[in-house]
Amino acid sequence: MLTAAGTAVLAVSVALAVTVGPADISPSDVWASLAAHLGLGHGTLTPLRDGIVWDLRMPRTLLAAVCGAGLALCGAVMQSLLRNPLADPFVLGVSSGASTGAVAVIVLGVGGGAVPLSVGAFAGALLAFALVLLLSHSLGASMDRVVLSGVAAMQLFSALTSLTVLTSADAETTRGVMFWLLGSLTGADWTAVVLCAAVLAVVLAVCLLNSATLDAFTFGEEAAAALGVRVARTRLVLLCATALLTAALVSCAGAIGFVGLVLPHATRALTGTAHARLLPVTVLTGAVFLVWVDTLARTVLDPREIPVGVVTSLIGVPAFVAVLYRGRRRA
């Protein structure tokens, strides 16, 4: 029931959000344009206005939905694997690595202009995760050591990013870098949507196949092993899956915080802790949330735009405080 309702809410949210923007295009014309591109009718807009709808608004709205869904999914999985309510998709240092890769492309010109920002960010994210795996393995691969390795990688790549910006970037470049680092969907296109959606679909399938295992992990690794779970193998698969998805999302949209931290907690209040129910509803909740946050970010100060990550933090901090207060009252 919740999954069906969430799917309907997401469809309505996308249909409404795509009609919002500075260009004076009526909702009926927007929907007619979308229907025409889907082969369901004929559009009435000029090529320029049709391009605004199909090439700018639609991919941005869909990418917001995919990023929200993916970050919420990764947050829910990481919180269960680590048995830590403060875990989020960036705990493995992936976001910091992506930032370093993006800055290397933008500021240092790595690749001589032939390497897109998203590719640099993705490479940096994978490098950070590889460092976390190397450090945690050398320390003995318990989850505590994985977290500590993630913190070390996060600090290292954050320092590299700051050093690069301070020593090599001019004022205009620094402003552009900071906008991306705070999370932005301004560069959304259909390629990014297809790539991120494909990775999300694969990772969601992997997580759902391991939903019973995630239920066991909530009682601890020893309990999971006693129930017949191959702890080390399953942990590695899920860590790699979530890191890959986070890397893909951050490479296209920057670091959008609090989505993966707050929304899994909010969803558990509706579904309980069984991951077969929790994960699909969390994905839908994250998608709906970020669609409307992005709509707010690009319109509230029109013609200026607020980085999406700033808005999610402004909303997420009070929401997280409310979650903590509610948990304290129950305790």
Protein backbone atom coordinates (compact mmCIF):
# COMPACT_ATOMS: atom_id res chain seq x y z
CA MET A 1 0.00 0.00 0.00
CA LEU A 2 2.71 2.48 0.98
CA THR A 3 4.76 1.63 -2.11
CA ALA A 4 1.78 2.17 -4.42
CA ALA A 5 0.90 5.44 -2.71
CA GLY A 6 4.51 6.61 -2.88
CA THR A 7 4.72 5.80 -6.58
CA ALA A 8 1.57 7.82 -7.25
CA VAL A 9 2.85 10.77 -5.20
CA LEU A 10 6.17 10.66 -7.08
CA ALA A 11 4.44 10.67 -10.47
CA VAL A 12 2.27 13.64 -9.48
CA SER A 13 5.29 15.46 -8.02
CA VAL A 14 7.30 15.09 -11.23
CA ALA A 15 4.31 16.17 -13.35
CA LEU A 16 3.84 19.31 -11.25
CA ALA A 17 7.50 20.19 -10.69
CA VAL A 18 8.27 20.18 -14.41
CA THR A 19 5.69 22.93 -14.94
CA VAL A 20 7.52 25.29 -12.55
CA GLY A 21 10.16 27.63 -13.91
CA PRO A 22 10.97 31.20 -14.96
CA ALA A 23 9.77 30.69 -18.53
CA ASP A 24 6.10 31.55 -18.91
CA ILE A 25 4.82 28.19 -20.14
CA SER A 26 1.42 26.98 -19.04
CA PRO A 27 1.07 23.54 -17.43
CA SER A 28 -1.14 22.33 -20.28
CA ASP A 29 1.52 23.25 -22.83
CA VAL A 30 4.21 21.55 -20.74
CA TRP A 31 2.24 18.32 -20.50
CA ALA A 32 1.39 18.46 -24.23
CA SER A 33 5.09 18.81 -25.01
CA LEU A 34 5.98 15.83 -22.81
CA ALA A 35 3.19 13.77 -24.37
CA ALA A 36 4.50 14.60 -27.85
CA HIS A 37 8.00 13.41 -26.96
CA LEU A 38 6.50 10.20 -25.61
CA GLY A 39 4.60 9.67 -28.85
CA LEU A 40 1.19 10.38 -27.32
CA GLY A 41 0.22 13.50 -29.21
CA HIS A 42 1.44 16.71 -30.83
CA GLY A 43 3.08 19.60 -29.00
CA THR A 44 2.11 23.24 -29.52
CA LEU A 45 5.31 24.92 -28.28
CA THR A 46 8.01 26.56 -30.36
CA PRO A 47 11.31 24.63 -30.62
CA LEU A 48 12.91 26.95 -28.05
CA ARG A 49 10.16 26.49 -25.45
CA ASP A 50 9.94 22.80 -26.19
CA GLY A 51 13.67 22.55 -25.51
CA ILE A 52 13.19 24.29 -22.16
CA VAL A 53 10.66 21.65 -21.15
CA TRP A 54 12.27 18.51 -22.56
CA ASP A 55 16.01 19.28 -22.40
CA LEU A 56 16.18 21.43 -19.25
CA ARG A 57 13.26 20.93 -16.87
CA MET A 58 12.49 17.26 -17.42
CA PRO A 59 16.02 15.81 -17.02
CA ARG A 60 16.64 18.05 -14.01
CA THR A 61 13.44 16.93 -12.31
CA LEU A 62 14.13 13.26 -13.03
CA LEU A 63 17.74 13.54 -11.88
CA ALA A 64 16.52 15.11 -8.63
CA ALA A 65 14.20 12.12 -8.14
CA VAL A 66 16.97 9.61 -8.88
CA CYS A 67 19.49 11.37 -6.60
CA GLY A 68 16.99 11.61 -3.76
CA ALA A 69 16.07 7.95 -4.15
CA GLY A 70 19.68 6.79 -4.33
CA LEU A 71 20.96 8.82 -1.40
CA ALA A 72 18.07 7.71 0.80
CA LEU A 73 18.66 4.07 -0.17
CA CYS A 74 22.38 4.28 0.60
CA GLY A 75 21.67 5.93 3.93
CA ALA A 76 19.24 3.20 4.98
CA VAL A 77 21.69 0.45 4.03
CA MET A 78 24.67 2.09 5.73
CA GLN A 79 22.73 2.68 8.94
CA SER A 80 21.83 -1.00 9.08
CA LEU A 81 25.28 -2.29 8.15
CA LEU A 82 27.05 -0.04 10.65
CA ARG A 83 24.29 -0.21 13.27
CA ASN A 84 24.77 3.54 13.56
CA PRO A 85 21.83 5.97 13.26
CA LEU A 86 24.24 8.75 12.25
CA ALA A 87 25.61 6.90 9.21
CA ASP A 88 24.94 8.39 5.78
CA PRO A 89 26.08 7.70 2.18
CA PHE A 90 29.19 9.87 2.62
CA VAL A 91 30.63 8.04 5.65
CA LEU A 92 33.08 6.14 3.41
CA GLY A 93 34.75 9.32 2.13
CA VAL A 94 33.22 8.97 -1.33
CA SER A 95 31.89 12.54 -1.39
CA SER A 96 35.26 14.05 -0.43
CA GLY A 97 37.02 11.98 -3.07
CA ALA A 98 34.52 13.13 -5.68
CA SER A 99 35.10 16.74 -4.67
CA THR A 100 38.85 16.32 -5.12
CA GLY A 101 38.37 14.75 -8.54
CA ALA A 102 36.00 17.52 -9.63
CA VAL A 103 38.37 20.24 -8.41
CA ALA A 104 41.29 18.56 -10.20
CA VAL A 105 39.36 18.84 -13.47
CA ILE A 106 37.98 22.36 -12.94
CA VAL A 107 40.94 24.05 -11.29
CA LEU A 108 44.01 22.08 -12.34
CA GLY A 109 42.76 21.22 -15.81
CA VAL A 110 43.49 17.51 -15.45
CA GLY A 111 42.77 15.83 -18.77
CA GLY A 112 43.44 18.97 -20.78
CA GLY A 113 39.75 19.77 -21.14
CA ALA A 114 38.92 16.33 -22.55
CA VAL A 115 37.74 14.93 -19.19
CA PRO A 116 34.26 16.09 -18.05
CA LEU A 117 33.74 17.17 -14.45
CA SER A 118 31.49 14.18 -13.76
CA VAL A 119 34.19 11.74 -14.90
CA GLY A 120 36.78 13.40 -12.68
CA ALA A 121 34.40 13.34 -9.73
CA PHE A 122 33.55 9.68 -10.30
CA ALA A 123 37.23 8.74 -10.51
CA GLY A 124 37.97 10.63 -7.30
CA ALA A 125 35.08 8.91 -5.51
CA LEU A 126 36.29 5.46 -6.52
CA LEU A 127 39.84 6.35 -5.47
CA ALA A 128 38.60 7.39 -2.03
CA PHE A 129 36.62 4.17 -1.61
CA ALA A 130 39.62 2.10 -2.73
CA LEU A 131 41.70 3.84 -0.06
CA VAL A 132 39.04 3.03 2.56
CA LEU A 133 39.05 -0.64 1.56
CA LEU A 134 42.85 -0.73 1.68
CA LEU A 135 43.05 0.92 5.09
CA SER A 136 40.25 -1.11 6.64
CA HIS A 137 41.72 -4.38 5.33
CA SER A 138 45.16 -3.54 6.69
CA LEU A 139 43.62 -2.73 10.08
CA GLY A 140 41.38 -5.78 10.14
CA ALA A 141 38.05 -5.37 8.41
CA SER A 142 35.61 -4.80 11.26
CA MET A 143 32.89 -2.22 10.68
CA ASP A 144 34.41 0.12 13.27
CA ARG A 145 37.65 0.13 11.33
CA VAL A 146 35.78 0.70 8.06
CA VAL A 147 34.19 3.80 9.58
CA LEU A 148 37.51 5.05 10.93
CA SER A 149 39.09 4.49 7.52
CA GLY A 150 36.25 6.44 5.94
CA VAL A 151 36.82 9.33 8.34
CA ALA A 152 40.55 9.33 7.51
CA ALA A 153 39.86 9.31 3.77
CA MET A 154 37.27 12.07 4.17
CA GLN A 155 39.73 14.32 5.99
CA LEU A 156 42.53 13.61 3.53
CA PHE A 157 40.53 14.38 0.40
CA SER A 158 38.83 17.39 1.99
CA ALA A 159 42.27 18.80 2.77
CA LEU A 160 43.45 18.14 -0.80
CA THR A 161 40.37 19.89 -2.18
CA SER A 162 40.82 22.93 0.04
CA LEU A 163 44.54 23.14 -0.74
CA THR A 164 43.92 22.97 -4.48
CA VAL A 165 41.23 25.66 -4.41
CA LEU A 166 43.26 28.00 -2.18
CA THR A 167 46.48 27.74 -4.18
CA SER A 168 45.31 27.41 -7.76
CA ALA A 169 41.80 28.84 -8.28
CA ASP A 170 40.78 32.42 -9.06
CA ALA A 171 37.71 34.03 -7.51
CA GLU A 172 35.32 33.07 -10.32
CA THR A 173 36.50 29.47 -10.45
CA THR A 174 36.28 29.21 -6.66
CA ARG A 175 32.66 30.38 -6.77
CA GLY A 176 31.78 27.76 -9.38
CA VAL A 177 33.55 25.03 -7.43
CA MET A 178 31.81 25.94 -4.19
CA PHE A 179 28.40 25.89 -5.91
CA TRP A 180 29.05 22.35 -7.16
CA LEU A 181 30.47 21.20 -3.81
CA LEU A 182 27.27 22.31 -2.06
CA GLY A 183 25.14 20.21 -4.43
CA SER A 184 23.66 21.42 -7.69
CA LEU A 185 21.49 19.94 -10.42
CA THR A 186 22.06 22.74 -12.93
CA GLY A 187 24.09 20.51 -15.24
CA ALA A 188 21.44 17.78 -15.45
CA ASP A 189 21.01 16.14 -18.85
CA TRP A 190 19.53 12.94 -20.19
CA THR A 191 22.89 11.14 -20.12
CA ALA A 192 23.22 11.76 -16.38
CA VAL A 193 19.62 10.66 -15.79
CA VAL A 194 20.05 7.38 -17.66
CA LEU A 195 23.41 6.61 -16.05
CA CYS A 196 22.29 7.32 -12.48
CA ALA A 197 18.94 5.57 -12.96
CA ALA A 198 20.66 2.45 -14.30
CA VAL A 199 23.07 2.31 -11.35
CA LEU A 200 20.20 2.94 -8.93
CA ALA A 201 18.17 0.07 -10.42
CA VAL A 202 21.06 -2.39 -10.11
CA VAL A 203 21.97 -1.36 -6.55
CA LEU A 204 18.33 -1.39 -5.42
CA ALA A 205 17.97 -4.92 -6.79
CA VAL A 206 21.12 -6.03 -4.92
CA CYS A 207 19.88 -4.47 -1.68
CA LEU A 208 16.42 -5.99 -1.98
CA LEU A 209 17.94 -9.41 -2.61
CA ASN A 210 19.86 -8.92 0.64
CA SER A 211 16.95 -7.45 2.62
CA ALA A 212 16.73 -10.44 4.96
CA THR A 213 20.47 -10.22 5.52
CA LEU A 214 20.15 -6.54 6.39
CA ASP A 215 17.48 -7.49 8.93
CA ALA A 216 19.99 -9.84 10.51
CA PHE A 217 22.72 -7.17 10.55
CA THR A 218 20.55 -4.94 12.73
CA PHE A 219 21.20 -7.41 15.58
CA GLY A 220 24.96 -7.33 15.03
CA GLU A 221 27.49 -9.25 12.98
CA GLU A 222 27.74 -12.15 15.42
CA ALA A 223 23.98 -12.63 15.38
CA ALA A 224 23.99 -12.46 11.58
CA ALA A 225 26.74 -15.07 11.39
CA ALA A 226 24.78 -17.31 13.78
CA LEU A 227 21.82 -17.07 11.37
CA GLY A 228 23.98 -18.36 8.53
CA VAL A 229 24.91 -15.03 6.92
CA ARG A 230 28.30 -14.89 5.21
CA VAL A 231 29.14 -11.65 6.99
CA ALA A 232 32.38 -10.58 5.30
CA ARG A 233 31.20 -11.34 1.78
CA THR A 234 27.78 -9.73 2.21
CA ARG A 235 29.26 -6.67 3.87
CA LEU A 236 31.75 -6.18 1.04
CA VAL A 237 29.05 -6.53 -1.63
CA LEU A 238 26.76 -4.02 0.04
CA LEU A 239 29.56 -1.54 0.77
CA CYS A 240 30.72 -1.69 -2.84
CA ALA A 241 27.17 -1.33 -4.15
CA THR A 242 26.36 1.71 -2.02
CA ALA A 243 29.75 3.30 -2.73
CA LEU A 244 29.25 2.86 -6.48
CA LEU A 245 25.79 4.43 -6.35
CA THR A 246 26.97 7.31 -4.16
CA ALA A 247 29.90 7.93 -6.51
CA ALA A 248 27.60 8.07 -9.55
CA LEU A 249 25.16 10.45 -7.85
CA VAL A 250 27.82 12.77 -6.44
CA SER A 251 29.64 12.92 -9.77
CA CYS A 252 26.47 14.27 -11.42
CA ALA A 253 24.98 16.42 -8.65
CA GLY A 254 27.65 17.18 -6.06
CA ALA A 255 27.35 16.50 -2.35
CA ILE A 256 23.70 16.79 -1.30
CA GLY A 257 23.65 16.27 2.44
CA PHE A 258 21.06 15.10 4.96
CA VAL A 259 18.91 13.17 2.45
CA GLY A 260 20.58 9.87 3.32
CA LEU A 261 20.73 10.70 7.00
CA VAL A 262 17.21 11.89 7.84
CA LEU A 263 14.84 10.19 5.41
CA PRO A 264 15.60 6.56 6.42
CA HIS A 265 14.68 7.48 10.01
CA ALA A 266 11.46 9.15 8.90
CA THR A 267 10.55 6.16 6.75
CA ARG A 268 11.14 3.65 9.54
CA ALA A 269 8.43 5.42 11.52
CA LEU A 270 6.01 4.40 8.75
CA THR A 271 7.23 0.97 7.72
CA GLY A 272 9.09 -0.48 10.68
CA THR A 273 12.57 -1.99 10.37
CA ALA A 274 11.92 -4.87 7.93
CA HIS A 275 14.07 -3.95 4.93
CA ALA A 276 11.84 -5.60 2.34
CA ARG A 277 9.31 -2.84 3.12
CA LEU A 278 11.69 -0.14 4.29
CA LEU A 279 13.93 0.09 1.21
CA PRO A 280 11.27 0.65 -1.51
CA VAL A 281 9.41 3.23 0.58
CA THR A 282 12.68 4.98 1.46
CA VAL A 283 13.57 5.20 -2.22
CA LEU A 284 10.21 6.77 -3.07
CA THR A 285 10.34 9.14 -0.10
CA GLY A 286 13.81 10.35 -1.08
CA ALA A 287 12.74 10.86 -4.69
CA VAL A 288 9.67 12.94 -3.78
CA PHE A 289 11.61 14.94 -1.21
CA LEU A 290 14.43 15.99 -3.53
CA VAL A 291 12.09 16.79 -6.44
CA TRP A 292 10.37 19.43 -4.32
CA VAL A 293 13.57 20.64 -2.66
CA ASP A 294 15.13 21.22 -6.07
CA THR A 295 12.00 23.01 -7.26
CA LEU A 296 12.25 25.28 -4.24
CA ALA A 297 15.98 25.83 -4.71
CA ARG A 298 15.63 27.00 -8.31
CA THR A 299 12.61 29.23 -7.83
CA VAL A 300 12.53 30.78 -4.36
CA LEU A 301 15.16 33.44 -5.21
CA ASP A 302 14.52 33.57 -8.95
CA PRO A 303 16.51 34.46 -11.05
CA ARG A 304 19.23 33.36 -8.63
CA GLU A 305 19.50 29.73 -7.61
CA ILE A 306 20.32 28.21 -4.22
CA PRO A 307 22.51 25.09 -4.15
CA VAL A 308 20.31 22.09 -3.43
CA GLY A 309 22.58 20.93 -0.62
CA VAL A 310 22.00 24.18 1.25
CA VAL A 311 18.23 23.72 1.15
CA THR A 312 18.40 20.05 2.21
CA SER A 313 20.55 21.05 5.19
CA LEU A 314 18.19 23.87 6.19
CA ILE A 315 15.30 21.41 6.11
CA GLY A 316 17.23 18.39 7.33
CA VAL A 317 18.68 19.80 10.54
CA PRO A 318 15.29 20.65 12.15
CA ALA A 319 13.86 17.36 10.87
CA PHE A 320 16.74 15.41 12.37
CA VAL A 321 16.36 17.21 15.69
CA ALA A 322 12.67 16.24 15.64
CA VAL A 323 13.61 12.61 14.97
CA LEU A 324 16.07 12.63 17.86
CA TYR A 325 13.52 14.23 20.20
CA ARG A 326 10.89 11.68 19.23
CA GLY A 327 13.35 8.84 19.85
CA ARG A 328 14.21 10.30 23.25
CA ARG A 329 10.53 10.45 24.24
CA ARG A 330 10.03 6.81 23.25
CA ALA A 331 13.09 5.80 25.24
